[in-house]
Amino acid sequence: MADKKEAQQQIAAERANPSGVVGLRTLHDLGERVQYDDASIGSLKRDYQSLAKKPFTEAACSR
């Protein structure tokens, strides 16, 4: 989840580039990373619910 948040922050920073030049390759790579993270998170949440018999919440994460 932290990787997804980091990628989203990097996307926002790239889009807010004050020079007006946006790296499309960078945005594409970061977008793919977010999509991969979404798929992984979804799968892991289902696994957690199956094992723990309760829905996953971020509070369940150890810090």
N, C-alpha and C. Protein backbone atom coordinates (compact mmCIF):
# COMPACT_ATOMS: atom_id res chain seq x y z
N MET A 1 0.83 -1.18 0.00
CA MET A 1 0.00 0.00 0.00
C MET A 1 0.88 1.25 0.00
N ALA A 2 1.99 1.16 0.70
CA ALA A 2 2.90 2.30 0.74
C ALA A 2 3.50 2.57 -0.63
N ASP A 3 3.80 1.50 -1.39
CA ASP A 3 4.36 1.67 -2.72
C ASP A 3 3.36 2.36 -3.64
N LYS A 4 2.09 2.00 -3.53
CA LYS A 4 1.05 2.62 -4.34
C LYS A 4 0.93 4.11 -4.01
N LYS A 5 0.94 4.44 -2.73
CA LYS A 5 0.85 5.85 -2.32
C LYS A 5 2.04 6.65 -2.83
N GLU A 6 3.23 6.04 -2.77
CA GLU A 6 4.43 6.71 -3.25
C GLU A 6 4.34 6.97 -4.75
N ALA A 7 3.89 5.97 -5.50
CA ALA A 7 3.75 6.13 -6.95
C ALA A 7 2.73 7.21 -7.28
N GLN A 8 1.63 7.25 -6.55
CA GLN A 8 0.62 8.28 -6.79
C GLN A 8 1.17 9.67 -6.50
N GLN A 9 1.99 9.80 -5.47
CA GLN A 9 2.61 11.08 -5.16
C GLN A 9 3.58 11.49 -6.26
N GLN A 10 4.32 10.52 -6.79
CA GLN A 10 5.25 10.81 -7.88
C GLN A 10 4.49 11.23 -9.15
N ILE A 11 3.35 10.61 -9.40
CA ILE A 11 2.53 11.00 -10.55
C ILE A 11 2.06 12.45 -10.39
N ALA A 12 1.58 12.78 -9.19
CA ALA A 12 1.11 14.15 -8.94
C ALA A 12 2.25 15.14 -9.10
N ALA A 13 3.42 14.80 -8.61
CA ALA A 13 4.58 15.69 -8.73
C ALA A 13 4.97 15.87 -10.19
N GLU A 14 4.94 14.80 -10.96
CA GLU A 14 5.29 14.89 -12.39
C GLU A 14 4.28 15.75 -13.13
N ARG A 15 3.01 15.60 -12.83
CA ARG A 15 1.97 16.41 -13.50
C ARG A 15 2.06 17.88 -13.11
N ALA A 16 2.57 18.16 -11.91
CA ALA A 16 2.66 19.54 -11.43
C ALA A 16 4.00 20.19 -11.80
N ASN A 17 4.73 19.57 -12.69
CA ASN A 17 6.04 20.08 -13.10
C ASN A 17 5.90 21.53 -13.56
N PRO A 18 6.57 22.45 -12.87
CA PRO A 18 6.40 23.88 -13.20
C PRO A 18 6.89 24.26 -14.59
N SER A 19 7.76 23.47 -15.18
CA SER A 19 8.24 23.81 -16.52
C SER A 19 7.21 23.50 -17.59
N GLY A 20 6.19 22.72 -17.21
CA GLY A 20 5.14 22.36 -18.16
C GLY A 20 5.48 21.14 -19.00
N VAL A 21 6.68 20.63 -18.83
CA VAL A 21 7.10 19.44 -19.58
C VAL A 21 6.85 18.22 -18.70
N VAL A 22 6.01 17.34 -19.20
CA VAL A 22 5.63 16.15 -18.44
C VAL A 22 6.25 14.94 -19.12
N GLY A 23 6.91 14.10 -18.32
CA GLY A 23 7.51 12.88 -18.86
C GLY A 23 6.45 11.80 -19.04
N LEU A 24 6.01 11.62 -20.28
CA LEU A 24 4.95 10.64 -20.54
C LEU A 24 5.41 9.23 -20.20
N ARG A 25 6.66 8.91 -20.47
CA ARG A 25 7.18 7.58 -20.14
C ARG A 25 7.16 7.37 -18.64
N THR A 26 7.54 8.39 -17.89
CA THR A 26 7.53 8.32 -16.43
C THR A 26 6.11 8.10 -15.92
N LEU A 27 5.16 8.87 -16.47
CA LEU A 27 3.76 8.71 -16.06
C LEU A 27 3.25 7.31 -16.40
N HIS A 28 3.61 6.81 -17.55
CA HIS A 28 3.19 5.47 -17.96
C HIS A 28 3.75 4.42 -17.01
N ASP A 29 5.03 4.51 -16.72
CA ASP A 29 5.66 3.54 -15.81
C ASP A 29 5.05 3.58 -14.42
N LEU A 30 4.80 4.78 -13.93
CA LEU A 30 4.20 4.92 -12.60
C LEU A 30 2.76 4.42 -12.61
N GLY A 31 2.03 4.67 -13.69
CA GLY A 31 0.66 4.18 -13.82
C GLY A 31 0.61 2.66 -13.82
N GLU A 32 1.56 2.04 -14.52
CA GLU A 32 1.63 0.57 -14.50
C GLU A 32 1.92 0.05 -13.09
N ARG A 33 2.77 0.76 -12.39
CA ARG A 33 3.10 0.37 -11.00
C ARG A 33 1.87 0.44 -10.11
N VAL A 34 1.06 1.48 -10.27
CA VAL A 34 -0.17 1.62 -9.49
C VAL A 34 -1.14 0.49 -9.84
N GLN A 35 -1.27 0.17 -11.13
CA GLN A 35 -2.16 -0.91 -11.53
C GLN A 35 -1.70 -2.25 -10.96
N TYR A 36 -0.41 -2.50 -10.98
CA TYR A 36 0.12 -3.74 -10.40
C TYR A 36 -0.15 -3.78 -8.90
N ASP A 37 0.10 -2.66 -8.24
CA ASP A 37 -0.15 -2.60 -6.79
C ASP A 37 -1.63 -2.82 -6.47
N ASP A 38 -2.53 -2.24 -7.27
CA ASP A 38 -3.97 -2.43 -7.07
C ASP A 38 -4.34 -3.91 -7.16
N ALA A 39 -3.79 -4.58 -8.16
CA ALA A 39 -4.09 -6.01 -8.34
C ALA A 39 -3.54 -6.82 -7.16
N SER A 40 -2.33 -6.51 -6.74
CA SER A 40 -1.72 -7.23 -5.62
C SER A 40 -2.48 -6.98 -4.33
N ILE A 41 -2.84 -5.75 -4.08
CA ILE A 41 -3.57 -5.40 -2.86
C ILE A 41 -4.91 -6.12 -2.83
N GLY A 42 -5.62 -6.13 -3.95
CA GLY A 42 -6.91 -6.81 -4.03
C GLY A 42 -6.78 -8.29 -3.72
N SER A 43 -5.78 -8.92 -4.32
CA SER A 43 -5.56 -10.35 -4.10
C SER A 43 -5.20 -10.63 -2.64
N LEU A 44 -4.32 -9.82 -2.09
CA LEU A 44 -3.89 -10.02 -0.71
C LEU A 44 -5.02 -9.75 0.29
N LYS A 45 -5.88 -8.79 -0.02
CA LYS A 45 -7.03 -8.52 0.85
C LYS A 45 -7.98 -9.72 0.87
N ARG A 46 -8.19 -10.33 -0.29
CA ARG A 46 -9.04 -11.53 -0.34
C ARG A 46 -8.41 -12.67 0.45
N ASP A 47 -7.10 -12.84 0.32
CA ASP A 47 -6.41 -13.89 1.08
C ASP A 47 -6.53 -13.64 2.58
N TYR A 48 -6.35 -12.38 2.98
CA TYR A 48 -6.46 -12.03 4.40
C TYR A 48 -7.86 -12.35 4.93
N GLN A 49 -8.88 -11.95 4.17
CA GLN A 49 -10.25 -12.18 4.61
C GLN A 49 -10.54 -13.68 4.72
N SER A 50 -10.00 -14.45 3.82
CA SER A 50 -10.19 -15.89 3.85
C SER A 50 -9.56 -16.51 5.09
N LEU A 51 -8.38 -16.04 5.44
CA LEU A 51 -7.66 -16.60 6.59
C LEU A 51 -8.14 -16.05 7.93
N ALA A 52 -8.37 -14.74 7.99
CA ALA A 52 -8.72 -14.09 9.25
C ALA A 52 -10.22 -14.06 9.52
N LYS A 53 -11.01 -14.36 8.48
CA LYS A 53 -12.48 -14.35 8.59
C LYS A 53 -13.03 -12.97 8.94
N LYS A 54 -12.30 -11.93 8.53
CA LYS A 54 -12.76 -10.55 8.69
C LYS A 54 -12.09 -9.72 7.61
N PRO A 55 -12.71 -8.62 7.23
CA PRO A 55 -12.12 -7.79 6.17
C PRO A 55 -10.83 -7.13 6.63
N PHE A 56 -9.96 -6.89 5.67
CA PHE A 56 -8.69 -6.22 5.93
C PHE A 56 -8.92 -4.74 6.14
N THR A 57 -8.22 -4.17 7.09
CA THR A 57 -8.16 -2.71 7.28
C THR A 57 -6.70 -2.33 7.45
N GLU A 58 -6.37 -1.08 7.18
CA GLU A 58 -5.00 -0.64 7.34
C GLU A 58 -4.54 -0.74 8.79
N ALA A 59 -5.47 -0.74 9.71
CA ALA A 59 -5.12 -0.87 11.12
C ALA A 59 -4.50 -2.24 11.42
N ALA A 60 -4.75 -3.20 10.54
CA ALA A 60 -4.19 -4.54 10.72
C ALA A 60 -2.71 -4.59 10.36
N CYS A 61 -2.21 -3.56 9.70
CA CYS A 61 -0.80 -3.51 9.30
C CYS A 61 0.09 -3.19 10.50
N SER A 62 1.19 -3.90 10.58
CA SER A 62 2.17 -3.54 11.61
C SER A 62 3.03 -2.41 11.07
N ARG A 63 3.41 -1.53 11.89
CA ARG A 63 4.19 -0.37 11.44
C ARG A 63 5.59 -0.46 11.93
